[in-house]
């Protein structure tokens, strides 16, 4: 038996591989190399970041409590606008509802079959215009009957009057008794009353006949029809035939705080009209302009408001009854007052203030008292002069004495905003020094294109490997 056989004579199995170190030992041997690779990677990233921040034209960030963010050595970009003297309207905003000056539900006054309709739904109608026709035949028969009765009784009255005249002549000649004359006179009076009743009956029949023609009671706008032709209509129905609303003029009901009531009353008593504007529900489009006409007789205690009514001519039919609108009531106009954009007025511990850009493009604070706002302007009182520049955008990073760089408020007007698309990205535009950016703004599009092509060519040549 040799060494390659086991005691039973079978060959020994050869080991597949040499036993190696345990997995834990392997991890302990590889860990220093992994840490070193990680450290090298972090150093490389830090170097790339430092190169990116330090490259020419890159704005530098200061420390958390002294850099550009809090008015350090670097100028903060801001937008400004000049203080102006202008007229500022004193406006009270409210929400109101338009109401028709008159609304009528057109009802049939007689019953019958509806034969025809003579109006356009949603169209204008005039007072006295024919709106609908009800079958008139039964009413025409009643008129004819009343006319026949009147003709019959009228003939009897005429005959009785003739007899009365003859009896009067006979009594004068003592050929007839006085009693016969008195009886004949009574008969004449009786027949005269009958004729009057017949005339009234004929008039009533004709009136009922006229009711078969339904006429518009006022001038306005017709609503939707409530019944179709061929139906039997009756007086006193719930919806009637249609509804007519008078919208020229149209009224506007709204409420304002009761604190404005003394000023409103004084203007109305003095005969000075108060202008009221109706805007759409979003407050972006003006619909019409009218005048205040009426003040309610009591203040609403629940809301401390007073209801007002204004009138609008509505010649173009732009306003509809029950339409909700935004209301602007002009109480007064401040003439030739200092005004700034509302975005320039800030509020802090010292009250309301603005940032004013002074000499050397450094800002200083001015405490002001804000007044009414009229569109894009707010009236203010304080130590401001017309023409001074107040900051309207970028105020969140300012402090007293901070240096600023004035940029256009409209992004489309800023330097580089009009560069041809595709020539240079936004990252390159931000990296340009201010003096270079100013020169670019004065160049024509062709000159800017050539300048950027030369810049890219120089950058490509500098990055190419040396031969």
Protein backbone atom coordinates (compact mmCIF):
# COMPACT_ATOMS: atom_id res chain seq x y z
CA UNK A 1 0.00 0.00 0.00
CA UNK A 2 1.44 3.34 -1.07
CA UNK A 3 0.86 6.83 0.24
CA UNK A 4 -1.79 7.62 -2.42
CA UNK A 5 -4.10 4.90 -1.13
CA UNK A 6 -6.20 4.77 1.99
CA UNK A 7 -6.00 1.80 4.38
CA UNK A 8 -8.75 0.03 2.38
CA UNK A 9 -6.71 0.31 -0.84
CA UNK A 10 -8.80 3.06 -2.45
CA UNK A 11 -6.95 6.05 -3.92
CA UNK A 12 -6.98 9.22 -1.74
CA UNK A 13 -9.06 12.10 -3.16
CA UNK A 14 -6.96 15.10 -4.18
CA UNK A 15 -7.92 18.40 -2.53
CA UNK A 16 -9.65 20.84 -4.95
CA UNK A 17 -7.77 23.94 -3.63
CA UNK A 18 -5.51 25.01 -0.91
CA UNK A 19 -7.31 26.24 2.16
CA UNK A 20 -7.20 30.11 2.26
CA UNK A 21 -7.76 32.65 4.94
CA UNK A 22 -11.17 33.06 6.44
CA UNK A 23 -13.54 35.68 4.92
CA UNK A 24 -13.21 37.90 8.02
CA UNK A 25 -9.44 37.91 7.58
CA UNK A 26 -9.84 38.90 3.94
CA UNK A 27 -12.08 41.85 4.91
CA UNK A 28 -9.52 42.94 7.50
CA UNK A 29 -6.74 42.87 4.90
CA UNK A 30 -8.79 44.79 2.19
CA UNK A 31 -10.31 47.49 4.47
CA UNK A 32 -7.24 49.83 4.50
CA UNK A 33 -7.18 49.90 0.68
CA UNK A 34 -10.92 50.72 0.47
CA UNK A 35 -10.53 53.60 2.97
CA UNK A 36 -7.61 54.98 1.01
CA UNK A 37 -9.57 54.90 -2.26
CA UNK A 38 -12.50 56.69 -0.62
CA UNK A 39 -10.23 59.40 0.76
CA UNK A 40 -8.65 59.95 -2.66
CA UNK A 41 -12.09 60.23 -4.27
CA UNK A 42 -13.21 62.83 -1.70
CA UNK A 43 -10.02 64.84 -2.23
CA UNK A 44 -10.62 64.80 -5.99
CA UNK A 45 -14.21 66.02 -5.56
CA UNK A 46 -13.10 68.76 -3.17
CA UNK A 47 -10.46 69.92 -5.63
CA UNK A 48 -13.00 70.02 -8.49
CA UNK A 49 -15.41 72.02 -6.35
CA UNK A 50 -12.68 74.45 -5.35
CA UNK A 51 -11.68 74.94 -9.00
CA UNK A 52 -15.34 75.52 -9.97
CA UNK A 53 -15.81 78.18 -7.28
CA UNK A 54 -12.48 79.87 -7.95
CA UNK A 55 -12.77 80.01 -11.75
CA UNK A 56 -12.96 83.54 -13.29
CA UNK A 57 -16.39 85.19 -13.25
CA UNK A 58 -17.88 82.91 -10.60
CA UNK A 59 -19.69 84.83 -7.82
CA UNK A 60 -18.05 84.03 -4.50
CA UNK A 61 -20.11 82.94 -1.52
CA UNK A 62 -19.25 84.50 1.81
CA UNK A 63 -19.45 82.81 5.18
CA UNK A 64 -22.81 82.12 6.69
CA UNK A 65 -22.77 85.35 8.71
CA UNK A 66 -20.81 87.76 6.56
CA UNK A 67 -20.89 86.89 2.87
CA UNK A 68 -23.02 88.13 -0.02
CA UNK A 69 -26.13 86.67 1.52
CA UNK A 70 -26.07 89.22 4.33
CA UNK A 71 -24.60 92.20 2.53
CA UNK A 72 -20.92 91.30 2.58
CA UNK A 73 -18.32 92.38 0.06
CA UNK A 74 -20.29 91.25 -2.99
CA UNK A 75 -23.17 93.31 -4.44
CA UNK A 76 -26.67 91.90 -4.15
CA UNK A 77 -28.71 92.05 -7.41
CA UNK A 78 -31.90 94.06 -6.89
CA UNK A 79 -34.61 95.69 -8.99
CA UNK A 80 -35.56 99.28 -8.32
CA UNK A 81 -38.19 101.82 -9.31
CA UNK A 82 -38.24 105.58 -8.90
CA UNK A 83 -40.46 107.35 -6.39
CA UNK A 84 -43.15 109.36 -8.16
CA UNK A 85 -45.64 112.09 -7.44
CA UNK A 86 -48.97 111.05 -8.90
CA UNK A 87 -52.70 110.93 -8.26
CA UNK A 88 -53.71 107.90 -6.21
CA UNK A 89 -57.34 106.89 -5.98
CA UNK A 90 -58.80 105.83 -2.63
CA UNK A 91 -60.45 102.54 -3.56
CA UNK A 92 -62.73 100.31 -1.48
CA UNK A 93 -62.91 96.72 -2.76
CA UNK A 94 -66.03 94.63 -2.30
CA UNK A 95 -68.01 91.73 -3.76
CA UNK A 96 -71.42 92.43 -5.27
CA UNK A 97 -74.25 90.94 -7.28
CA UNK A 98 -75.95 92.49 -10.30
CA UNK A 99 -79.73 92.72 -10.20
CA UNK A 100 -82.23 93.73 -12.85
CA UNK A 101 -83.91 97.08 -12.30
CA UNK A 102 -87.25 95.37 -13.01
CA UNK A 103 -88.24 91.72 -13.40
CA UNK A 104 -91.66 90.57 -14.66
CA UNK A 105 -93.06 87.06 -15.00
CA UNK A 106 -95.39 87.21 -18.00
CA UNK A 107 -98.63 85.39 -17.14
CA UNK A 108 -101.59 84.67 -19.44
CA UNK A 109 -104.71 86.52 -18.29
CA UNK A 110 -107.14 84.14 -20.01
CA UNK A 111 -107.11 80.39 -20.46
CA UNK A 112 -106.90 78.69 -23.81
CA UNK A 113 -104.72 76.87 -26.31
CA UNK A 114 -101.38 78.58 -26.99
CA UNK A 115 -101.31 79.10 -30.75
CA UNK A 116 -97.97 80.86 -31.34
CA UNK A 117 -94.95 82.53 -29.71
CA UNK A 118 -93.47 85.74 -31.11
CA UNK A 119 -90.21 86.34 -29.24
CA UNK A 120 -86.62 85.08 -29.36
CA UNK A 121 -85.33 83.47 -26.20
CA UNK A 122 -82.63 85.65 -24.70
CA UNK A 123 -83.40 88.47 -27.15
CA UNK A 124 -84.58 91.99 -26.54
CA UNK A 125 -88.28 92.85 -26.45
CA UNK A 126 -90.05 96.20 -26.48
CA UNK A 127 -92.95 97.27 -24.31
CA UNK A 128 -96.21 96.42 -26.11
CA UNK A 129 -94.58 93.84 -28.40
CA UNK A 130 -96.66 90.71 -29.15
CA UNK A 131 -95.17 87.78 -27.26
CA UNK A 132 -97.78 85.00 -27.61
CA UNK A 133 -101.19 84.32 -29.16
CA UNK A 134 -103.90 82.32 -27.39
CA UNK A 135 -106.82 80.83 -29.37
CA UNK A 136 -109.29 83.79 -29.62
CA UNK A 137 -112.34 82.09 -31.12
CA UNK A 138 -114.31 81.52 -27.93
CA UNK A 139 -113.71 85.09 -26.85
CA UNK A 140 -114.73 86.39 -30.26
CA UNK A 141 -118.06 84.60 -29.89
CA UNK A 142 -118.61 86.30 -26.54
CA UNK A 143 -117.94 89.66 -28.16
CA UNK A 144 -120.45 88.95 -30.88
CA UNK A 145 -123.10 87.93 -28.34
CA UNK A 146 -122.59 91.07 -26.31
CA UNK A 147 -122.78 93.16 -29.46
CA UNK A 148 -126.07 91.54 -30.47
CA UNK A 149 -127.63 92.17 -27.06
CA UNK A 150 -126.55 95.79 -27.21
CA UNK A 151 -128.06 96.25 -30.65
CA UNK A 152 -131.36 94.70 -29.53
CA UNK A 153 -131.69 96.79 -26.39
CA UNK A 154 -130.63 99.93 -28.21
CA UNK A 155 -133.48 99.47 -30.70
CA UNK A 156 -135.99 98.96 -27.88
CA UNK A 157 -134.69 102.12 -26.19
CA UNK A 158 -135.12 104.16 -29.35
CA UNK A 159 -138.70 102.88 -29.79
CA UNK A 160 -139.54 103.66 -26.17
CA UNK A 161 -138.20 107.19 -26.56
CA UNK A 162 -140.39 107.68 -29.62
CA UNK A 163 -143.45 106.52 -27.68
CA UNK A 164 -142.51 108.86 -24.86
CA UNK A 165 -142.50 111.79 -27.28
CA UNK A 166 -145.96 110.87 -28.59
CA UNK A 167 -147.40 110.48 -25.06
CA UNK A 168 -145.97 113.87 -24.14
CA UNK A 169 -147.75 115.45 -27.14
CA UNK A 170 -151.05 113.72 -26.29
CA UNK A 171 -150.88 114.79 -22.67
CA UNK A 172 -150.31 118.38 -23.80
CA UNK A 173 -153.56 118.11 -25.84
CA UNK A 174 -155.39 116.34 -22.99
CA UNK A 175 -155.69 113.28 -25.24
CA UNK A 176 -153.81 110.92 -22.85
CA UNK A 177 -153.49 110.62 -19.12
CA UNK A 178 -150.45 111.75 -17.20
CA UNK A 179 -150.00 108.24 -15.83
CA UNK A 180 -149.37 106.81 -19.29
CA UNK A 181 -146.64 109.39 -19.87
CA UNK A 182 -144.99 108.58 -16.52
CA UNK A 183 -145.06 104.85 -17.29
CA UNK A 184 -143.44 105.43 -20.67
CA UNK A 185 -140.72 107.61 -19.14
CA UNK A 186 -139.91 104.86 -16.63
CA UNK A 187 -139.65 102.34 -19.48
CA UNK A 188 -137.22 104.61 -21.30
CA UNK A 189 -135.01 104.89 -18.23
CA UNK A 190 -135.10 101.11 -17.76
CA UNK A 191 -134.10 100.44 -21.34
CA UNK A 192 -131.38 103.07 -21.09
CA UNK A 193 -129.88 101.18 -18.12
CA UNK A 194 -130.09 97.94 -20.07
CA UNK A 195 -128.19 99.48 -22.96
CA UNK A 196 -125.47 100.73 -20.63
CA UNK A 197 -125.13 97.24 -19.17
CA UNK A 198 -124.92 95.80 -22.66
CA UNK A 199 -122.18 98.24 -23.54
CA UNK A 200 -120.22 97.22 -20.45
CA UNK A 201 -120.67 93.55 -21.29
CA UNK A 202 -119.43 94.22 -24.80
CA UNK A 203 -116.39 96.05 -23.41
CA UNK A 204 -115.60 93.16 -21.05
CA UNK A 205 -115.87 90.66 -23.89
CA UNK A 206 -113.55 92.74 -26.03
CA UNK A 207 -111.09 93.02 -23.12
CA UNK A 208 -111.04 89.24 -22.70
CA UNK A 209 -110.49 88.93 -26.42
CA UNK A 210 -107.54 91.33 -26.23
CA UNK A 211 -105.98 89.18 -23.51
CA UNK A 212 -105.54 86.40 -26.06
CA UNK A 213 -102.71 88.57 -27.44
CA UNK A 214 -100.01 88.48 -24.76
CA UNK A 215 -98.00 91.74 -24.93
CA UNK A 216 -94.67 92.66 -23.33
CA UNK A 217 -95.26 94.79 -20.22
CA UNK A 218 -91.81 96.42 -20.35
CA UNK A 219 -88.70 96.76 -22.45
CA UNK A 220 -85.96 94.30 -21.54
CA UNK A 221 -84.47 90.92 -22.27
CA UNK A 222 -86.66 87.87 -22.71
CA UNK A 223 -85.85 84.68 -20.86
CA UNK A 224 -86.43 81.09 -21.91
CA UNK A 225 -89.96 80.05 -22.79
CA UNK A 226 -91.73 78.05 -20.10
CA UNK A 227 -94.45 76.49 -22.27
CA UNK A 228 -94.62 75.22 -25.83
CA UNK A 229 -97.14 75.94 -28.54
CA UNK A 230 -100.20 73.67 -28.38
CA UNK A 231 -100.45 73.54 -24.61
CA UNK A 232 -103.46 74.87 -22.73
CA UNK A 233 -102.39 77.79 -20.58
CA UNK A 234 -104.22 79.19 -17.57
CA UNK A 235 -103.82 82.38 -15.52
CA UNK A 236 -101.75 82.10 -12.34
CA UNK A 237 -99.39 79.33 -13.47
CA UNK A 238 -96.18 78.97 -11.46
CA UNK A 239 -93.69 79.87 -14.20
CA UNK A 240 -95.89 81.83 -16.59
CA UNK A 241 -94.96 82.02 -20.25
CA UNK A 242 -91.54 83.67 -19.79
CA UNK A 243 -89.63 86.17 -17.65
CA UNK A 244 -88.55 89.62 -18.83
CA UNK A 245 -85.78 91.51 -17.06
CA UNK A 246 -85.03 95.20 -17.55
CA UNK A 247 -81.23 95.42 -17.83
CA UNK A 248 -80.80 98.97 -19.18
CA UNK A 249 -79.96 100.29 -16.66
CA UNK A 250 -78.93 97.45 -14.37
CA UNK A 251 -78.36 97.68 -10.61
CA UNK A 252 -75.45 96.43 -8.49
CA UNK A 253 -75.85 95.56 -4.81
CA UNK A 254 -72.75 95.34 -2.58
CA UNK A 255 -71.65 96.02 1.00
CA UNK A 256 -68.74 98.02 2.39
CA UNK A 257 -67.48 98.48 5.98
CA UNK A 258 -69.56 100.97 7.91
CA UNK A 259 -66.42 103.02 8.67
CA UNK A 260 -66.70 104.44 5.13
CA UNK A 261 -70.31 105.55 5.63
CA UNK A 262 -69.61 109.15 6.78
CA UNK A 263 -67.43 109.81 3.74
CA UNK A 264 -69.99 108.25 1.39
CA UNK A 265 -72.88 110.21 2.89
CA UNK A 266 -70.99 113.50 2.72
CA UNK A 267 -70.20 112.97 -0.96
CA UNK A 268 -73.80 112.06 -1.80
CA UNK A 269 -75.24 115.04 0.11
CA UNK A 270 -72.83 117.35 -1.69
CA UNK A 271 -74.05 116.02 -5.03
CA UNK A 272 -70.64 114.59 -5.94
CA UNK A 273 -70.97 111.31 -7.83
CA UNK A 274 -69.10 108.29 -6.54
CA UNK A 275 -67.57 106.14 -9.26
CA UNK A 276 -68.18 102.38 -9.07
CA UNK A 277 -66.38 99.87 -11.27
CA UNK A 278 -67.57 96.33 -11.90
CA UNK A 279 -64.85 93.75 -12.62
CA UNK A 280 -65.10 90.06 -13.36
CA UNK A 281 -64.93 87.55 -10.49
CA UNK A 282 -61.14 87.23 -10.84
CA UNK A 283 -60.65 90.99 -10.65
CA UNK A 284 -58.60 91.11 -13.87
CA UNK A 285 -61.07 92.48 -16.45
CA UNK A 286 -63.16 95.62 -16.05
CA UNK A 287 -66.74 95.05 -17.18
CA UNK A 288 -68.43 98.43 -16.73
CA UNK A 289 -68.37 101.71 -14.85
CA UNK A 290 -71.34 103.23 -13.05
CA UNK A 291 -72.41 105.56 -10.26
CA UNK A 292 -73.49 105.02 -6.67
CA UNK A 293 -77.20 105.80 -6.30
CA UNK A 294 -78.53 104.58 -2.95
CA UNK A 295 -77.41 103.76 0.61
CA UNK A 296 -79.38 101.32 2.76
CA UNK A 297 -81.20 102.63 5.85
CA UNK A 298 -79.47 100.39 8.42
CA UNK A 299 -76.08 98.85 9.18
CA UNK A 300 -75.84 95.07 9.34
CA UNK A 301 -74.75 94.37 12.94
CA UNK A 302 -73.54 90.86 12.11
CA UNK A 303 -70.96 92.08 9.59
CA UNK A 304 -70.66 95.80 10.47
CA UNK A 305 -71.30 96.69 6.83
CA UNK A 306 -73.71 98.93 4.97
CA UNK A 307 -75.43 97.87 1.74
CA UNK A 308 -75.10 100.13 -1.28
CA UNK A 309 -76.70 100.21 -4.72
CA UNK A 310 -75.06 101.42 -7.91
CA UNK A 311 -76.50 101.87 -11.38
CA UNK A 312 -74.89 100.96 -14.72
CA UNK A 313 -76.16 101.99 -18.15
CA UNK A 314 -75.25 98.54 -19.57
CA UNK A 315 -75.64 99.73 -23.15
CA UNK A 316 -73.59 96.85 -24.49
CA UNK A 317 -75.48 94.18 -22.47
CA UNK A 318 -72.21 93.05 -20.88
CA UNK A 319 -73.84 92.68 -17.44
CA UNK A 320 -76.39 90.01 -16.50
CA UNK A 321 -78.76 89.80 -13.54
CA UNK A 322 -77.48 87.67 -10.62
CA UNK A 323 -73.93 87.90 -11.96
CA UNK A 324 -71.30 88.06 -9.17
CA UNK A 325 -68.68 90.76 -9.73
CA UNK A 326 -65.75 92.38 -7.96
CA UNK A 327 -66.54 95.97 -7.02
CA UNK A 328 -64.22 98.96 -6.71
CA UNK A 329 -65.76 102.04 -5.15
CA UNK A 330 -63.68 105.21 -5.52
CA UNK A 331 -64.15 107.34 -2.42
CA UNK A 332 -61.58 110.03 -3.18
CA UNK A 333 -58.41 110.88 -5.10
CA UNK A 334 -55.16 111.93 -3.44
CA UNK A 335 -53.67 114.56 -5.73
CA UNK A 336 -49.92 114.80 -6.39
CA UNK A 337 -48.91 112.47 -3.55
CA UNK A 338 -45.72 110.43 -3.13
CA UNK A 339 -46.19 106.91 -4.46
CA UNK A 340 -44.06 103.76 -4.62
CA UNK A 341 -44.77 100.20 -5.79
CA UNK A 342 -46.45 98.15 -3.02
CA UNK A 343 -43.63 95.56 -3.23
CA UNK A 344 -41.16 98.19 -2.02
CA UNK A 345 -42.93 98.70 1.32
CA UNK A 346 -41.68 96.27 3.98
CA UNK A 347 -42.62 95.78 7.62
CA UNK A 348 -40.16 95.27 10.42
CA UNK A 349 -39.48 96.09 14.06
CA UNK A 350 -39.34 99.81 13.26
CA UNK A 351 -42.66 99.68 11.40
CA UNK A 352 -43.06 100.14 7.66
CA UNK A 353 -39.95 101.05 5.69
CA UNK A 354 -38.37 101.00 2.24
CA UNK A 355 -34.83 100.44 0.97
CA UNK A 356 -33.48 103.44 -0.97
CA UNK A 357 -30.51 102.98 -3.31
CA UNK A 358 -28.17 105.92 -2.80
CA UNK A 359 -24.67 106.97 -3.80
CA UNK A 360 -22.28 104.15 -4.57
CA UNK A 361 -25.21 101.78 -5.06
CA UNK A 362 -25.60 101.28 -1.32
CA UNK A 363 -28.99 100.99 0.36
CA UNK A 364 -30.41 102.81 3.34
CA UNK A 365 -33.73 102.32 5.11
CA UNK A 366 -36.43 105.02 5.30
CA UNK A 367 -39.39 104.65 7.62
CA UNK A 368 -42.67 105.48 5.82
CA UNK A 369 -46.38 105.48 6.51
CA UNK A 370 -48.31 103.52 3.87
CA UNK A 371 -51.55 104.84 2.42
CA UNK A 372 -54.15 103.55 -0.05
CA UNK A 373 -53.12 101.33 -2.94
CA UNK A 374 -54.24 102.07 -6.48
CA UNK A 375 -53.22 99.32 -8.88
CA UNK A 376 -49.41 99.17 -9.05
CA UNK A 377 -48.85 102.20 -6.80
CA UNK A 378 -49.19 102.88 -3.08
CA UNK A 379 -49.38 106.32 -1.52
CA UNK A 380 -46.78 106.85 1.23
CA UNK A 381 -45.67 109.65 3.53
CA UNK A 382 -42.12 109.85 4.80
CA UNK A 383 -38.61 111.15 4.05
CA UNK A 384 -38.66 110.35 0.33
CA UNK A 385 -38.08 112.53 -2.70
CA UNK A 386 -39.42 112.03 -6.23
CA UNK A 387 -36.84 110.27 -8.39
CA UNK A 388 -35.19 108.34 -5.57
CA UNK A 389 -34.83 104.66 -6.29
CA UNK A 390 -36.53 102.17 -3.98
CA UNK A 391 -35.85 98.43 -4.04
CA UNK A 392 -38.78 96.36 -5.30
CA UNK A 393 -37.15 92.93 -5.69
CA UNK A 394 -34.30 91.28 -3.79
CA UNK A 395 -35.05 92.86 -0.41
CA UNK A 396 -34.82 89.59 1.53
CA UNK A 397 -30.99 89.68 1.51
CA UNK A 398 -30.45 93.34 2.28
CA UNK A 399 -29.40 95.28 5.38
CA UNK A 400 -28.49 98.89 6.08
CA UNK A 401 -25.50 100.00 4.00
CA UNK A 402 -25.38 96.88 1.82
CA UNK A 403 -23.95 97.20 -1.69
CA UNK A 404 -26.32 96.32 -4.49
CA UNK A 405 -26.24 95.79 -8.23
CA UNK A 406 -29.28 97.21 -10.00
CA UNK A 407 -30.77 94.84 -12.57
CA UNK A 408 -33.87 95.17 -14.71
CA UNK A 409 -37.13 94.15 -13.04
CA UNK A 410 -38.22 92.40 -16.25
CA UNK A 411 -36.14 89.22 -16.76
CA UNK A 412 -36.40 89.69 -20.53
CA UNK A 413 -34.56 93.00 -20.27
CA UNK A 414 -31.61 91.70 -18.27
CA UNK A 415 -28.12 91.25 -19.66
CA UNK A 416 -27.83 88.15 -21.81
CA UNK A 417 -31.57 87.51 -21.84
CA UNK A 418 -31.79 88.31 -25.58
CA UNK A 419 -28.87 86.12 -26.69
CA UNK A 420 -29.68 83.88 -29.67
CA UNK A 421 -30.84 80.45 -28.46
CA UNK A 422 -28.31 77.68 -28.59
CA UNK A 423 -25.22 79.94 -28.57
CA UNK A 424 -24.40 79.79 -24.90
CA UNK A 425 -26.09 78.24 -21.89
CA UNK A 426 -27.29 79.98 -18.79
CA UNK A 427 -24.27 78.69 -16.82
CA UNK A 428 -21.89 80.57 -19.14
CA UNK A 429 -23.97 83.76 -18.99
CA UNK A 430 -23.77 83.78 -15.19
CA UNK A 431 -20.00 83.28 -15.36
CA UNK A 432 -19.37 86.44 -17.42
CA UNK A 433 -17.80 89.35 -15.54
CA UNK A 434 -20.09 92.40 -15.23
CA UNK A 435 -17.98 94.58 -17.56
CA UNK A 436 -18.00 91.88 -20.26
CA UNK A 437 -21.73 91.35 -19.88
CA UNK A 438 -22.30 95.10 -20.28
CA UNK A 439 -20.31 95.10 -23.52
CA UNK A 440 -22.25 92.09 -24.79
CA UNK A 441 -25.51 93.90 -24.20
CA UNK A 442 -24.39 96.68 -26.54
CA UNK A 443 -23.34 94.28 -29.32
CA UNK A 444 -25.53 93.28 -32.20
CA UNK A 445 -26.69 89.64 -32.43
CA UNK A 446 -24.07 88.93 -35.12
CA UNK A 447 -21.26 90.41 -33.02
CA UNK A 448 -22.35 88.39 -29.96
CA UNK A 449 -22.44 85.21 -32.07
CA UNK A 450 -18.90 85.84 -33.34
CA UNK A 451 -17.66 86.62 -29.81
CA UNK A 452 -19.01 83.37 -28.38
CA UNK A 453 -17.64 81.33 -31.32
CA UNK A 454 -14.19 82.77 -30.70
CA UNK A 455 -14.55 82.06 -26.96
CA UNK A 456 -15.49 78.43 -27.59
CA UNK A 457 -12.66 77.99 -30.07
CA UNK A 458 -10.13 79.38 -27.58
CA UNK A 459 -11.48 77.11 -24.83
CA UNK A 460 -11.28 74.06 -27.10
CA UNK A 461 -7.69 74.90 -28.09
CA UNK A 462 -6.65 75.37 -24.47
CA UNK A 463 -8.13 72.03 -23.44
CA UNK A 464 -6.57 70.10 -26.34
CA UNK A 465 -3.59 67.81 -25.35
CA UNK A 466 -0.13 69.08 -26.28
CA UNK A 467 1.52 67.26 -29.17
